[in-house]
Amino acid sequence: MKKGERPRCNQGTMLLSSTLAATIDPSLMETTIPDHKFNQLSQFIYQQCGIQMPPAKKTMLTARIQKRLRTLGMDSFSEYIDWVLTPGAAGDELIHFIDIVTTNKTDFFRESAHFDYLVREALPDLIAREGAGVRRRLNVWSAACSSGEEPYTLAMVLAEFGESQGSFQASILATDISTRVLKKAKDAIYELEKVAPIPMTLKKKYLLKSRERPLARIGPELRQMVRFQRLNFMDADYGLRERMDVVFCRNVIIYFDRITTEQIVNKICRHLIPGGYLFIGHSESLNNLNVPVKQVAPTIYQLPK
């Protein structure tokens, strides 16, 4: 690629040959993001995703973008950043960039006390007041679902709870800003070490183990309970079709500042039914925020009935 020349695009998607990528001389590549370009990126990421990107994260972001440069056959951080930041120029690459920026960390049955409270307190309350799951479908939202461990955990918990009710219907909406992790979540295939936290009785009941590789797939009964959708918390309208009885939005707001957190929680609460429950991460808090929910247990909140 000649210096200053941009890769050719087809319908907003960059198409570069693997041969070109292989012939880039590593010695010609910038070794880091220039400071002024990093500042521009930080502002852009905050505007697009609400995520704070302080100077301490420059090394992390440099490494992630560098991998993308190799894939695209580019040799300049500055060129890539200018391309992404030019309105309407990057097309689908903007989605790839957001995938680079976002951090996805999750596990099956993470912070298990939340699932205990859901079964012991929240679900009986919702059934008694709303008939949720019995007279009508229970609607659960796994916001920032990452690679799917949380919504599939919820599916197991709800399926087990439903057996004790005789007749029980539940639907789980799982959303994330990253198309990369959403694809993995939809595939529902995990390494055996990832499914280790799942109790053995549930593994035998709901997982399909590969005979050839150390992999397991979530069974069709649970996969049918979950639907996936890309959603950016910074969007003005989340476009959800139904009101939610329960929302899990855990270990997400730690990446946002106070103002952004307040805005996001208020938008989430617009999609909760009166008396609906909001679960956040154990390292998070809504204290002193202007939000309409009240705390009913550590990191568990309820919209007033």
Protein backbone atom coordinates (compact mmCIF):
# COMPACT_ATOMS: atom_id res chain seq x y z
CA MET A 1 0.00 0.00 0.00
CA LYS A 2 1.37 3.43 -0.93
CA LYS A 3 1.75 5.92 1.84
CA GLY A 4 -1.42 7.95 2.29
CA GLU A 5 -3.52 5.63 0.12
CA ARG A 6 -6.68 4.24 1.70
CA PRO A 7 -7.82 0.68 1.15
CA ARG A 8 -10.62 0.29 -1.35
CA CYS A 9 -14.08 -0.30 0.06
CA ASN A 10 -17.04 -2.23 -1.25
CA GLN A 11 -20.38 -1.22 0.29
CA GLY A 12 -18.62 0.17 3.35
CA THR A 13 -16.60 -2.98 4.01
CA MET A 14 -12.84 -2.95 3.51
CA LEU A 15 -11.63 -5.66 1.13
CA LEU A 16 -7.89 -6.30 1.23
CA SER A 17 -6.13 -9.42 0.02
CA SER A 18 -4.38 -11.71 2.46
CA THR A 19 -1.33 -11.46 0.18
CA LEU A 20 -1.11 -7.72 0.80
CA ALA A 21 -1.48 -8.21 4.54
CA ALA A 22 1.33 -10.75 4.49
CA THR A 23 3.72 -8.44 2.64
CA ILE A 24 3.48 -5.47 5.02
CA ASP A 25 6.93 -4.75 6.44
CA PRO A 26 6.56 -4.67 10.27
CA SER A 27 9.44 -2.19 10.47
CA LEU A 28 7.34 0.38 8.59
CA MET A 29 4.41 0.22 11.01
CA GLU A 30 3.90 2.83 13.68
CA THR A 31 4.73 1.31 17.04
CA THR A 32 2.04 3.14 18.98
CA ILE A 33 -0.93 5.47 18.61
CA PRO A 34 0.18 9.12 18.52
CA ASP A 35 -1.02 10.98 21.61
CA HIS A 36 -3.20 13.46 19.69
CA LYS A 37 -4.86 10.58 17.81
CA PHE A 38 -5.47 8.71 21.05
CA ASN A 39 -7.19 11.79 22.48
CA GLN A 40 -9.43 11.94 19.40
CA LEU A 41 -10.24 8.24 19.78
CA SER A 42 -11.03 8.65 23.47
CA GLN A 43 -13.59 11.35 22.70
CA PHE A 44 -15.07 9.31 19.86
CA ILE A 45 -15.37 6.15 22.00
CA TYR A 46 -17.08 8.12 24.76
CA GLN A 47 -19.56 9.63 22.31
CA GLN A 48 -20.28 6.32 20.55
CA CYS A 49 -20.23 3.86 23.46
CA GLY A 50 -20.22 5.93 26.66
CA ILE A 51 -17.00 4.13 27.64
CA GLN A 52 -14.18 6.08 29.25
CA MET A 53 -10.77 5.49 27.69
CA PRO A 54 -8.14 7.15 29.94
CA PRO A 55 -4.44 7.38 28.97
CA ALA A 56 -3.72 4.32 31.15
CA LYS A 57 -5.53 2.20 28.53
CA LYS A 58 -3.49 3.43 25.58
CA THR A 59 -1.21 0.37 25.57
CA MET A 60 -4.22 -1.97 25.58
CA LEU A 61 -5.94 -0.10 22.75
CA THR A 62 -2.71 0.06 20.73
CA ALA A 63 -2.32 -3.73 20.89
CA ARG A 64 -5.92 -4.34 19.85
CA ILE A 65 -5.82 -1.94 16.91
CA GLN A 66 -2.47 -3.32 15.81
CA LYS A 67 -4.06 -6.75 15.33
CA ARG A 68 -6.74 -5.12 13.19
CA LEU A 69 -4.11 -3.33 11.09
CA ARG A 70 -2.44 -6.65 10.32
CA THR A 71 -5.76 -8.15 9.28
CA LEU A 72 -6.52 -5.23 6.97
CA GLY A 73 -3.00 -4.89 5.58
CA MET A 74 -2.54 -1.35 6.87
CA ASP A 75 0.70 0.05 8.26
CA SER A 76 -0.45 3.23 9.99
CA PHE A 77 -2.41 3.82 13.19
CA SER A 78 -3.05 7.40 12.10
CA GLU A 79 -4.47 6.34 8.74
CA TYR A 80 -6.79 3.82 10.36
CA ILE A 81 -7.97 6.27 13.01
CA ASP A 82 -8.64 9.01 10.44
CA TRP A 83 -10.65 6.51 8.42
CA VAL A 84 -12.75 5.38 11.39
CA LEU A 85 -13.35 8.94 12.58
CA THR A 86 -14.47 10.28 9.19
CA PRO A 87 -18.30 10.35 9.27
CA GLY A 88 -19.78 7.78 6.89
CA ALA A 89 -16.40 6.60 5.57
CA ALA A 90 -15.68 3.47 7.58
CA GLY A 91 -18.97 1.65 6.98
CA ASP A 92 -18.94 -1.79 8.58
CA GLU A 93 -15.45 -1.18 9.93
CA LEU A 94 -17.02 0.99 12.62
CA ILE A 95 -18.67 -2.17 14.00
CA HIS A 96 -15.30 -3.95 13.99
CA PHE A 97 -13.75 -1.01 15.80
CA ILE A 98 -16.40 -1.09 18.52
CA ASP A 99 -15.68 -4.80 18.90
CA ILE A 100 -12.03 -3.89 19.47
CA VAL A 101 -12.87 -1.33 22.13
CA THR A 102 -15.34 -3.31 24.23
CA THR A 103 -14.21 -5.70 26.95
CA ASN A 104 -16.14 -8.95 27.35
CA LYS A 105 -15.68 -10.98 30.52
CA THR A 106 -18.31 -13.35 31.82
CA ASP A 107 -18.86 -16.83 33.23
CA PHE A 108 -21.66 -19.31 33.73
CA PHE A 109 -23.38 -18.81 37.10
CA ARG A 110 -21.29 -15.72 37.80
CA GLU A 111 -22.34 -14.05 41.06
CA SER A 112 -24.65 -16.95 41.82
CA ALA A 113 -26.42 -15.19 44.71
CA HIS A 114 -28.39 -13.27 42.08
CA PHE A 115 -29.88 -16.47 40.68
CA ASP A 116 -30.74 -17.65 44.18
CA TYR A 117 -32.62 -14.39 44.84
CA LEU A 118 -34.33 -14.63 41.46
CA VAL A 119 -35.75 -18.08 42.28
CA ARG A 120 -36.43 -17.49 45.96
CA GLU A 121 -37.87 -13.95 45.94
CA ALA A 122 -38.33 -12.29 42.55
CA LEU A 123 -40.09 -15.02 40.58
CA PRO A 124 -42.65 -15.91 43.29
CA ASP A 125 -43.40 -12.19 43.68
CA LEU A 126 -43.84 -11.68 39.93
CA ILE A 127 -46.09 -14.74 39.67
CA ALA A 128 -48.27 -13.60 42.56
CA ARG A 129 -48.63 -10.01 41.34
CA GLU A 130 -48.46 -10.33 37.56
CA GLY A 131 -48.96 -13.98 36.75
CA ALA A 132 -45.62 -13.66 34.96
CA GLY A 133 -44.64 -17.02 33.52
CA VAL A 134 -48.01 -18.56 34.40
CA ARG A 135 -50.86 -16.42 33.07
CA ARG A 136 -48.51 -14.71 30.62
CA ARG A 137 -44.92 -15.09 29.48
CA LEU A 138 -42.13 -13.93 31.79
CA ASN A 139 -39.83 -11.47 30.01
CA VAL A 140 -36.17 -11.32 31.04
CA TRP A 141 -33.47 -9.08 29.56
CA SER A 142 -29.79 -9.94 29.74
CA ALA A 143 -28.27 -6.57 28.88
CA ALA A 144 -24.61 -6.66 27.83
CA CYS A 145 -24.85 -10.44 27.47
CA SER A 146 -21.31 -10.83 26.09
CA SER A 147 -20.66 -14.35 24.73
CA GLY A 148 -23.86 -15.80 26.13
CA GLU A 149 -22.96 -17.34 29.46
CA GLU A 150 -25.37 -15.13 31.41
CA PRO A 151 -28.51 -15.63 29.26
CA TYR A 152 -27.94 -19.37 29.04
CA THR A 153 -27.46 -19.51 32.81
CA LEU A 154 -30.76 -17.68 33.16
CA ALA A 155 -32.35 -20.15 30.75
CA MET A 156 -31.20 -23.09 32.91
CA VAL A 157 -32.43 -21.44 36.09
CA LEU A 158 -35.80 -20.59 34.58
CA ALA A 159 -36.21 -24.03 33.01
CA GLU A 160 -35.53 -25.67 36.38
CA PHE A 161 -37.88 -23.29 38.15
CA GLY A 162 -40.54 -23.91 35.53
CA GLU A 163 -40.56 -27.62 36.21
CA SER A 164 -41.72 -26.92 39.75
CA GLN A 165 -44.61 -24.81 38.42
CA GLY A 166 -46.09 -27.34 36.06
CA SER A 167 -46.74 -24.79 33.35
CA PHE A 168 -44.29 -21.92 32.95
CA GLN A 169 -43.27 -19.75 29.97
CA ALA A 170 -40.25 -17.49 29.82
CA SER A 171 -38.40 -15.59 27.11
CA ILE A 172 -34.92 -14.08 27.36
CA LEU A 173 -33.70 -11.14 25.30
CA ALA A 174 -29.90 -10.99 25.20
CA THR A 175 -28.23 -7.84 23.87
CA ASP A 176 -24.70 -6.56 23.42
CA ILE A 177 -22.94 -3.85 21.45
CA SER A 178 -20.35 -6.30 20.07
CA THR A 179 -21.30 -8.29 16.99
CA ARG A 180 -18.32 -10.56 17.58
CA VAL A 181 -19.50 -11.84 20.96
CA LEU A 182 -23.11 -11.99 19.81
CA LYS A 183 -22.08 -14.44 17.10
CA LYS A 184 -20.35 -16.62 19.66
CA ALA A 185 -23.40 -16.43 21.90
CA LYS A 186 -25.71 -17.48 19.07
CA ASP A 187 -23.44 -20.42 18.21
CA ALA A 188 -23.71 -21.52 21.88
CA ILE A 189 -20.52 -23.59 21.69
CA TYR A 190 -18.08 -23.41 24.61
CA GLU A 191 -14.81 -24.96 25.68
CA LEU A 192 -15.20 -27.49 28.49
CA GLU A 193 -13.27 -25.27 30.89
CA LYS A 194 -15.85 -22.53 30.30
CA VAL A 195 -18.77 -24.76 31.27
CA ALA A 196 -16.99 -26.02 34.41
CA PRO A 197 -19.04 -23.78 36.78
CA ILE A 198 -22.29 -25.40 35.63
CA PRO A 199 -23.51 -28.04 38.14
CA MET A 200 -23.06 -31.56 36.81
CA THR A 201 -26.78 -32.34 36.94
CA LEU A 202 -27.47 -29.36 34.67
CA LYS A 203 -24.60 -30.24 32.32
CA LYS A 204 -26.06 -33.69 31.78
CA LYS A 205 -29.50 -32.24 31.25
CA TYR A 206 -28.86 -29.21 29.05
CA LEU A 207 -25.46 -29.56 27.36
CA LEU A 208 -24.45 -31.54 24.29
CA LYS A 209 -20.82 -32.69 24.51
CA SER A 210 -18.71 -33.15 21.40
CA ARG A 211 -17.26 -36.62 20.89
CA GLU A 212 -14.32 -35.33 18.88
CA ARG A 213 -13.31 -32.04 20.49
CA PRO A 214 -13.27 -30.61 24.05
CA LEU A 215 -16.41 -28.58 23.39
CA ALA A 216 -20.00 -28.48 24.57
CA ARG A 217 -23.07 -26.87 23.06
CA ILE A 218 -26.11 -25.53 24.83
CA GLY A 219 -29.06 -27.80 24.06
CA PRO A 220 -31.91 -26.71 21.76
CA GLU A 221 -34.43 -26.40 24.61
CA LEU A 222 -32.43 -23.54 26.13
CA ARG A 223 -31.38 -21.98 22.83
CA GLN A 224 -35.03 -21.60 21.89
CA MET A 225 -35.62 -19.52 25.01
CA VAL A 226 -33.06 -16.88 24.05
CA ARG A 227 -33.04 -14.37 21.22
CA PHE A 228 -30.10 -12.08 20.50
CA GLN A 229 -30.02 -8.47 19.34
CA ARG A 230 -27.32 -5.84 18.95
CA LEU A 231 -27.94 -2.84 21.21
CA ASN A 232 -25.88 0.22 22.10
CA PHE A 233 -26.68 1.70 25.50
CA MET A 234 -25.98 5.15 24.03
CA ASP A 235 -28.89 4.88 21.58
CA ALA A 236 -31.78 7.22 22.37
CA ASP A 237 -34.33 4.46 21.76
CA TYR A 238 -33.62 0.83 22.56
CA GLY A 239 -36.52 -0.29 20.39
CA LEU A 240 -37.64 -3.16 22.64
CA ARG A 241 -41.03 -4.66 21.82
CA GLU A 242 -42.11 -5.66 25.31
CA ARG A 243 -41.84 -4.53 28.92
CA MET A 244 -39.42 -6.55 31.03
CA ASP A 245 -40.10 -8.29 34.33
CA VAL A 246 -36.41 -8.78 35.11
CA VAL A 247 -33.26 -7.09 33.80
CA PHE A 248 -29.71 -8.34 34.40
CA CYS A 249 -27.28 -5.50 33.62
CA ARG A 250 -24.21 -6.63 35.50
CA ASN A 251 -20.59 -5.47 35.46
CA VAL A 252 -21.33 -2.88 32.78
CA ILE A 253 -21.85 0.48 34.45
CA ILE A 254 -18.37 0.31 35.97
CA TYR A 255 -17.14 1.45 32.54
CA PHE A 256 -19.31 4.59 32.51
CA ASP A 257 -19.10 7.89 34.34
CA ARG A 258 -21.84 9.03 36.70
CA ILE A 259 -23.83 11.03 34.13
CA THR A 260 -23.78 8.25 31.55
CA THR A 261 -24.69 5.63 34.15
CA GLU A 262 -27.67 7.67 35.28
CA GLN A 263 -28.88 8.09 31.70
CA ILE A 264 -28.52 4.39 30.89
CA VAL A 265 -30.25 3.15 34.04
CA ASN A 266 -33.16 5.51 33.45
CA LYS A 267 -33.54 4.24 29.88
CA ILE A 268 -33.42 0.63 31.09
CA CYS A 269 -36.07 1.37 33.70
CA ARG A 270 -38.43 2.63 31.01
CA HIS A 271 -38.60 -0.98 29.83
CA LEU A 272 -39.29 -2.45 33.29
CA ILE A 273 -42.80 -3.18 34.48
CA PRO A 274 -43.84 -1.59 37.80
CA GLY A 275 -42.41 -3.94 40.42
CA GLY A 276 -39.84 -5.30 37.97
CA TYR A 277 -36.33 -6.20 39.12
CA LEU A 278 -32.93 -4.84 38.08
CA PHE A 279 -29.75 -6.79 38.93
CA ILE A 280 -26.33 -5.09 38.69
CA GLY A 281 -22.82 -6.37 39.37
CA HIS A 282 -21.48 -6.92 42.88
CA SER A 283 -18.86 -4.20 42.39
CA GLU A 284 -21.47 -1.69 41.22
CA SER A 285 -23.90 0.63 42.98
CA LEU A 286 -26.73 3.01 42.13
CA ASN A 287 -26.39 4.95 45.38
CA ASN A 288 -26.88 8.72 45.06
CA LEU A 289 -28.01 8.44 41.45
CA ASN A 290 -31.25 9.98 40.24
CA VAL A 291 -32.88 6.72 39.15
CA PRO A 292 -36.43 5.44 39.83
CA VAL A 293 -35.55 2.09 41.46
CA LYS A 294 -35.17 1.20 45.13
CA GLN A 295 -32.71 -1.31 46.57
CA VAL A 296 -34.28 -4.53 47.89
CA ALA A 297 -31.07 -6.53 48.40
CA PRO A 298 -27.35 -5.96 47.76
CA THR A 299 -26.98 -4.99 44.05
CA ILE A 300 -30.67 -5.83 43.43
CA TYR A 301 -33.24 -3.09 42.76
CA GLN A 302 -36.96 -2.89 42.10
CA LEU A 303 -39.08 -0.37 40.24
CA PRO A 304 -41.86 0.90 42.54
CA LYS A 305 -45.11 -1.00 42.10
